[in-house]
Amino acid sequence: MFGKKKMTKAAKTEAVWGLAFVAPTIIGLIILNFIPVFNTVYQSFCKTGDFGKGNKFVGLANYVAVLSAGETWQSFWNTIKYAIIEVPFGIIIALVLAVFLNKKMVGRSFFRTIFFLPMVCAPAAVAMVWKWLYNQQFGLLNNILGTHIAWISNPKIAWISVGAIGVWSIIGYNMVLFISGLQEIPHDYYEAATIDGASGISQFFHITIPLLSNTTFFIVQTRLIGALTIFDLMFMVMDKTNVALQNVQSTVYLFYTYAFKNGNKGYGSALVMLLVIFIMIVTLIMQKCEKKFVNR
């Protein structure tokens, strides 16, 4: 048996300085992430008292109320509809752009910057611009098309309009990830395919897509989680007086309404906990699919 080696003074000093540098991050995670998580779980079993104080334990009452409310399932369906638009279209368009902008072309850096700009724009500015574009009377879209479509106040199409904003906002981020994945693919594969007479489209489907499966899966998983937790876009685009709000509001938007506007933090916590469980199930399914469809 060998005794434990004692740390030298230099090693102790290095460990102390290392801990000091990571301490702000650790403290931030505990205060801003871990404590709120446990507090949310606790409050989901409580009835919030007056002025948000004096929580009273009520067991599963909040969960029963949430599951029996029609607006809960409507918000879940709204969130899923948004994800159906944002995730596939945002990925497909970004992949096509990445393939073109990964080639040598004039102005490549300029176009990359233009497509990435929505990611660095303030959400409030994005919402303001798109609300102007969608304006029924003076909006640019209706002026170009010569119509008077209520893009964000018609319950039948409002969710599509909001989803289109989400696609526009995320294309640049997805594109950058795809470009980084494309640059990892050896060019020898394309040269060999060209010599064998494979067309560009054939190379795309038989070389690019299979070898990008790792990157694609990462984007699908992260964007699916992001779409299921969408809030800021809907909050700033959809006014509370909008007649289409019930057909568009996401689960997180409904959580915000109950927890912060109505002061019913117990009900809101139960609502968001159900969303977390749903996301965990989706993530588990995605992890199972990764083993089957992702090339290693």
Protein backbone atom coordinates (compact mmCIF):
# COMPACT_ATOMS: atom_id res chain seq x y z
CA MET A 1 0.00 0.00 0.00
CA PHE A 2 1.35 3.35 -0.97
CA GLY A 3 0.56 6.37 1.16
CA LYS A 4 -1.17 9.35 -0.33
CA LYS A 5 1.18 11.90 -1.78
CA LYS A 6 1.06 15.25 -0.06
CA MET A 7 0.39 18.24 -2.23
CA THR A 8 3.28 20.58 -2.59
CA LYS A 9 2.88 24.22 -1.68
CA ALA A 10 2.90 25.18 -5.36
CA ALA A 11 0.17 22.62 -6.12
CA LYS A 12 -1.98 23.90 -3.25
CA THR A 13 -1.56 27.47 -4.45
CA GLU A 14 -2.50 26.44 -8.00
CA ALA A 15 -5.60 24.58 -6.72
CA VAL A 16 -6.71 27.59 -4.65
CA TRP A 17 -6.33 29.95 -7.60
CA GLY A 18 -8.16 27.50 -9.87
CA LEU A 19 -11.05 27.29 -7.42
CA ALA A 20 -11.08 31.08 -7.10
CA PHE A 21 -11.42 31.49 -10.88
CA VAL A 22 -14.29 28.99 -11.21
CA ALA A 23 -16.04 30.13 -8.01
CA PRO A 24 -18.10 32.90 -9.71
CA THR A 25 -19.46 30.39 -12.23
CA ILE A 26 -20.23 27.83 -9.52
CA ILE A 27 -21.96 30.44 -7.35
CA GLY A 28 -23.91 31.71 -10.36
CA LEU A 29 -25.08 28.19 -11.23
CA ILE A 30 -26.19 27.54 -7.65
CA ILE A 31 -28.05 30.83 -7.25
CA LEU A 32 -29.49 31.20 -10.75
CA ASN A 33 -30.05 27.56 -11.75
CA PHE A 34 -30.02 24.95 -8.99
CA ILE A 35 -31.90 26.83 -6.26
CA PRO A 36 -34.71 27.96 -8.64
CA VAL A 37 -35.07 24.37 -9.90
CA PHE A 38 -35.63 22.95 -6.41
CA ASN A 39 -37.85 25.91 -5.51
CA THR A 40 -40.01 25.31 -8.61
CA VAL A 41 -40.41 21.62 -7.77
CA TYR A 42 -41.41 22.53 -4.20
CA GLN A 43 -43.85 25.25 -5.24
CA SER A 44 -45.56 22.90 -7.72
CA PHE A 45 -46.92 21.04 -4.66
CA CYS A 46 -48.01 24.22 -2.88
CA LYS A 47 -50.73 26.82 -3.03
CA THR A 48 -49.20 30.28 -3.08
CA GLY A 49 -50.29 32.50 -0.23
CA ASP A 50 -51.21 36.15 -0.37
CA PHE A 51 -48.58 38.40 -1.91
CA GLY A 52 -46.60 35.28 -2.84
CA LYS A 53 -45.93 34.31 0.77
CA GLY A 54 -47.07 31.55 3.11
CA ASN A 55 -47.07 28.59 0.72
CA LYS A 56 -49.48 25.84 1.75
CA PHE A 57 -48.73 22.24 0.77
CA VAL A 58 -51.57 20.85 -1.36
CA GLY A 59 -49.98 17.71 -2.78
CA LEU A 60 -50.93 16.90 -6.38
CA ALA A 61 -53.81 19.39 -6.50
CA ASN A 62 -51.95 21.74 -8.84
CA TYR A 63 -51.06 18.91 -11.21
CA VAL A 64 -54.66 17.71 -11.28
CA ALA A 65 -55.86 21.24 -12.03
CA VAL A 66 -53.27 21.73 -14.77
CA LEU A 67 -54.01 18.39 -16.44
CA SER A 68 -57.77 19.01 -16.38
CA ALA A 69 -57.52 22.51 -17.89
CA GLY A 70 -58.20 22.78 -21.60
CA GLU A 71 -55.81 25.72 -22.02
CA THR A 72 -52.94 23.52 -20.85
CA TRP A 73 -53.37 21.09 -23.73
CA GLN A 74 -54.00 23.97 -26.12
CA SER A 75 -50.70 25.57 -25.10
CA PHE A 76 -48.90 22.23 -25.51
CA TRP A 77 -50.38 21.86 -28.98
CA ASN A 78 -49.43 25.47 -29.83
CA THR A 79 -45.86 24.77 -28.73
CA ILE A 80 -45.67 21.58 -30.79
CA LYS A 81 -47.05 23.40 -33.85
CA TYR A 82 -44.38 26.06 -33.47
CA ALA A 83 -41.68 23.39 -33.20
CA ILE A 84 -43.02 21.65 -36.33
CA ILE A 85 -42.43 24.87 -38.28
CA GLU A 86 -39.23 26.17 -36.74
CA VAL A 87 -37.14 23.00 -36.38
CA PRO A 88 -37.41 21.31 -39.83
CA PHE A 89 -37.57 24.48 -41.94
CA GLY A 90 -34.83 26.18 -39.94
CA ILE A 91 -32.58 23.16 -40.42
CA ILE A 92 -33.31 22.51 -44.11
CA ILE A 93 -32.83 26.14 -45.18
CA ALA A 94 -29.70 26.49 -43.04
CA LEU A 95 -28.21 23.31 -44.52
CA VAL A 96 -28.75 24.48 -48.09
CA LEU A 97 -27.21 27.87 -47.30
CA ALA A 98 -24.27 26.23 -45.53
CA VAL A 99 -23.50 24.03 -48.54
CA PHE A 100 -23.44 27.03 -50.88
CA LEU A 101 -21.54 29.32 -48.50
CA ASN A 102 -18.96 26.65 -47.76
CA LYS A 103 -17.75 26.88 -51.36
CA LYS A 104 -15.35 29.48 -52.67
CA MET A 105 -17.41 32.38 -53.97
CA VAL A 106 -17.30 36.15 -54.18
CA GLY A 107 -18.71 37.81 -51.07
CA ARG A 108 -18.87 34.60 -49.05
CA SER A 109 -17.98 36.32 -45.75
CA PHE A 110 -20.52 39.07 -46.46
CA PHE A 111 -23.36 36.61 -47.01
CA ARG A 112 -22.40 34.61 -43.93
CA THR A 113 -22.57 37.79 -41.88
CA ILE A 114 -25.93 38.81 -43.34
CA PHE A 115 -27.55 35.47 -42.57
CA PHE A 116 -26.09 35.41 -39.05
CA LEU A 117 -27.22 38.95 -38.18
CA PRO A 118 -30.67 37.92 -36.82
CA MET A 119 -28.89 36.00 -34.05
CA VAL A 120 -27.25 39.16 -32.68
CA CYS A 121 -30.31 41.37 -33.02
CA ALA A 122 -32.23 42.22 -29.87
CA PRO A 123 -35.47 40.18 -29.62
CA ALA A 124 -37.43 43.38 -28.99
CA ALA A 125 -36.11 44.91 -32.21
CA VAL A 126 -36.91 41.73 -34.15
CA ALA A 127 -40.46 41.69 -32.79
CA MET A 128 -40.99 45.37 -33.61
CA VAL A 129 -39.79 44.96 -37.21
CA TRP A 130 -41.87 41.86 -37.86
CA LYS A 131 -44.98 43.38 -36.31
CA TRP A 132 -44.57 46.23 -38.78
CA LEU A 133 -44.09 43.79 -41.66
CA TYR A 134 -47.23 41.90 -40.59
CA ASN A 135 -49.36 45.01 -40.03
CA GLN A 136 -52.71 44.45 -41.68
CA GLN A 137 -53.16 48.01 -42.97
CA PHE A 138 -49.66 49.40 -43.47
CA GLY A 139 -47.44 46.31 -43.42
CA LEU A 140 -44.86 45.74 -46.13
CA LEU A 141 -46.04 42.19 -46.84
CA ASN A 142 -49.62 43.22 -47.51
CA ASN A 143 -48.47 46.17 -49.63
CA ILE A 144 -46.28 43.90 -51.76
CA LEU A 145 -48.94 41.21 -52.10
CA GLY A 146 -51.80 43.69 -52.47
CA THR A 147 -53.79 42.00 -49.70
CA HIS A 148 -55.16 42.81 -46.22
CA ILE A 149 -54.26 39.59 -44.42
CA ALA A 150 -54.31 39.65 -40.62
CA TRP A 151 -51.03 37.79 -40.27
CA ILE A 152 -50.81 37.78 -36.46
CA SER A 153 -54.44 38.33 -35.44
CA ASN A 154 -56.09 35.59 -37.51
CA PRO A 155 -56.20 32.47 -35.28
CA LYS A 156 -55.89 30.21 -38.32
CA ILE A 157 -52.57 31.58 -39.58
CA ALA A 158 -51.08 33.48 -36.63
CA TRP A 159 -49.10 30.45 -35.43
CA ILE A 160 -47.61 30.06 -38.91
CA SER A 161 -46.60 33.73 -38.95
CA VAL A 162 -44.89 33.45 -35.57
CA GLY A 163 -43.19 30.23 -36.68
CA ALA A 164 -41.84 32.02 -39.77
CA ILE A 165 -40.18 34.60 -37.50
CA GLY A 166 -38.61 31.77 -35.52
CA VAL A 167 -37.23 30.19 -38.70
CA TRP A 168 -35.79 33.53 -39.86
CA SER A 169 -34.20 34.13 -36.46
CA ILE A 170 -32.45 30.77 -36.14
CA ILE A 171 -31.23 30.14 -39.71
CA GLY A 172 -27.90 31.91 -39.16
CA TYR A 173 -27.05 29.93 -36.02
CA ASN A 174 -27.86 26.60 -37.67
CA MET A 175 -25.94 27.62 -40.77
CA VAL A 176 -22.75 28.34 -38.82
CA LEU A 177 -22.93 24.94 -37.13
CA PHE A 178 -23.46 23.22 -40.47
CA ILE A 179 -20.52 25.07 -42.03
CA SER A 180 -18.26 23.91 -39.20
CA GLY A 181 -19.49 20.36 -39.79
CA LEU A 182 -18.93 20.60 -43.54
CA GLN A 183 -15.35 21.72 -43.02
CA GLU A 184 -14.68 18.53 -41.08
CA ILE A 185 -15.61 16.33 -44.06
CA PRO A 186 -12.47 15.29 -46.01
CA HIS A 187 -12.51 16.71 -49.54
CA ASP A 188 -11.13 13.41 -50.85
CA TYR A 189 -14.61 11.88 -50.68
CA TYR A 190 -15.97 14.47 -53.09
CA GLU A 191 -13.02 14.13 -55.45
CA ALA A 192 -13.46 10.35 -55.58
CA ALA A 193 -17.21 10.72 -56.16
CA THR A 194 -16.58 13.23 -58.97
CA ILE A 195 -14.15 10.84 -60.66
CA ASP A 196 -16.80 8.09 -60.43
CA GLY A 197 -19.25 10.41 -62.19
CA ALA A 198 -21.49 11.27 -59.22
CA SER A 199 -23.46 14.49 -59.66
CA GLY A 200 -23.52 17.29 -57.10
CA ILE A 201 -26.99 16.27 -55.89
CA SER A 202 -25.89 12.65 -55.54
CA GLN A 203 -22.84 13.74 -53.54
CA PHE A 204 -25.08 15.85 -51.30
CA PHE A 205 -27.38 12.94 -50.40
CA HIS A 206 -24.77 10.18 -50.25
CA ILE A 207 -21.78 12.02 -48.74
CA THR A 208 -22.76 15.33 -47.17
CA ILE A 209 -25.93 14.32 -45.33
CA PRO A 210 -24.58 11.01 -43.90
CA LEU A 211 -21.33 12.60 -42.71
CA LEU A 212 -23.23 15.56 -41.25
CA SER A 213 -25.56 13.34 -39.23
CA ASN A 214 -23.70 14.11 -36.00
CA THR A 215 -24.03 17.86 -36.49
CA THR A 216 -27.60 17.52 -37.71
CA PHE A 217 -28.62 15.51 -34.68
CA PHE A 218 -27.07 18.07 -32.34
CA ILE A 219 -28.95 20.90 -34.05
CA VAL A 220 -32.23 18.97 -34.10
CA GLN A 221 -32.00 18.16 -30.41
CA THR A 222 -31.00 21.64 -29.24
CA ARG A 223 -33.48 23.43 -31.50
CA LEU A 224 -36.29 21.09 -30.48
CA ILE A 225 -35.66 21.93 -26.83
CA GLY A 226 -35.40 25.62 -27.72
CA ALA A 227 -38.68 25.53 -29.68
CA LEU A 228 -40.52 23.75 -26.86
CA THR A 229 -39.43 26.46 -24.42
CA ILE A 230 -40.18 29.43 -26.70
CA PHE A 231 -41.41 32.52 -24.87
CA ASP A 232 -39.79 35.84 -25.73
CA LEU A 233 -40.81 35.84 -29.40
CA MET A 234 -44.47 35.15 -28.66
CA PHE A 235 -44.52 37.53 -25.71
CA MET A 236 -43.31 40.47 -27.78
CA VAL A 237 -45.18 39.73 -31.01
CA MET A 238 -48.55 38.74 -29.58
CA ASP A 239 -50.31 41.44 -27.53
CA LYS A 240 -52.48 40.29 -24.63
CA THR A 241 -55.49 41.80 -26.45
CA ASN A 242 -54.78 39.79 -29.59
CA VAL A 243 -57.74 37.54 -30.43
CA ALA A 244 -55.34 34.86 -31.72
CA LEU A 245 -53.34 34.68 -28.49
CA GLN A 246 -55.08 31.52 -27.25
CA ASN A 247 -54.18 29.76 -30.51
CA VAL A 248 -50.54 30.85 -30.39
CA GLN A 249 -49.37 31.14 -26.77
CA SER A 250 -46.79 28.54 -25.78
CA THR A 251 -46.68 26.57 -22.54
CA VAL A 252 -43.97 28.85 -21.15
CA TYR A 253 -46.11 31.88 -22.06
CA LEU A 254 -49.01 30.34 -20.11
CA PHE A 255 -46.64 29.62 -17.21
CA TYR A 256 -45.59 33.29 -17.20
CA THR A 257 -49.23 34.38 -17.15
CA TYR A 258 -50.14 32.28 -14.13
CA ALA A 259 -46.90 32.56 -12.15
CA PHE A 260 -46.06 36.24 -12.63
CA LYS A 261 -49.20 38.02 -13.78
CA ASN A 262 -51.83 36.12 -11.80
CA GLY A 263 -49.53 35.39 -8.87
CA ASN A 264 -50.41 31.68 -8.82
CA LYS A 265 -46.88 30.34 -8.65
CA GLY A 266 -47.99 26.87 -7.54
CA TYR A 267 -50.14 26.34 -10.61
CA GLY A 268 -47.48 27.85 -12.87
CA SER A 269 -44.76 25.66 -11.35
CA ALA A 270 -46.85 22.53 -11.93
CA LEU A 271 -47.39 23.61 -15.52
CA VAL A 272 -43.70 24.11 -16.21
CA MET A 273 -42.81 20.83 -14.45
CA LEU A 274 -45.08 18.96 -16.88
CA LEU A 275 -43.27 20.71 -19.72
CA VAL A 276 -39.93 19.63 -18.27
CA ILE A 277 -41.14 16.01 -18.09
CA PHE A 278 -42.30 16.21 -21.70
CA ILE A 279 -38.93 17.61 -22.81
CA MET A 280 -37.13 14.85 -20.92
CA ILE A 281 -39.22 12.23 -22.73
CA VAL A 282 -38.48 13.86 -26.09
CA THR A 283 -34.77 14.03 -25.25
CA LEU A 284 -34.75 10.36 -24.25
CA ILE A 285 -36.36 9.42 -27.58
CA MET A 286 -33.79 11.55 -29.42
CA GLN A 287 -30.95 9.80 -27.59
CA LYS A 288 -32.35 6.42 -28.65
CA CYS A 289 -32.59 7.64 -32.24
CA GLU A 290 -29.00 8.86 -32.13
CA LYS A 291 -27.66 5.34 -31.74
CA LYS A 292 -29.60 4.21 -34.80
CA PHE A 293 -29.25 7.09 -37.27
CA VAL A 294 -26.02 8.94 -36.41
CA ASN A 295 -22.80 7.85 -38.12
CA ARG A 296 -19.90 7.49 -35.73
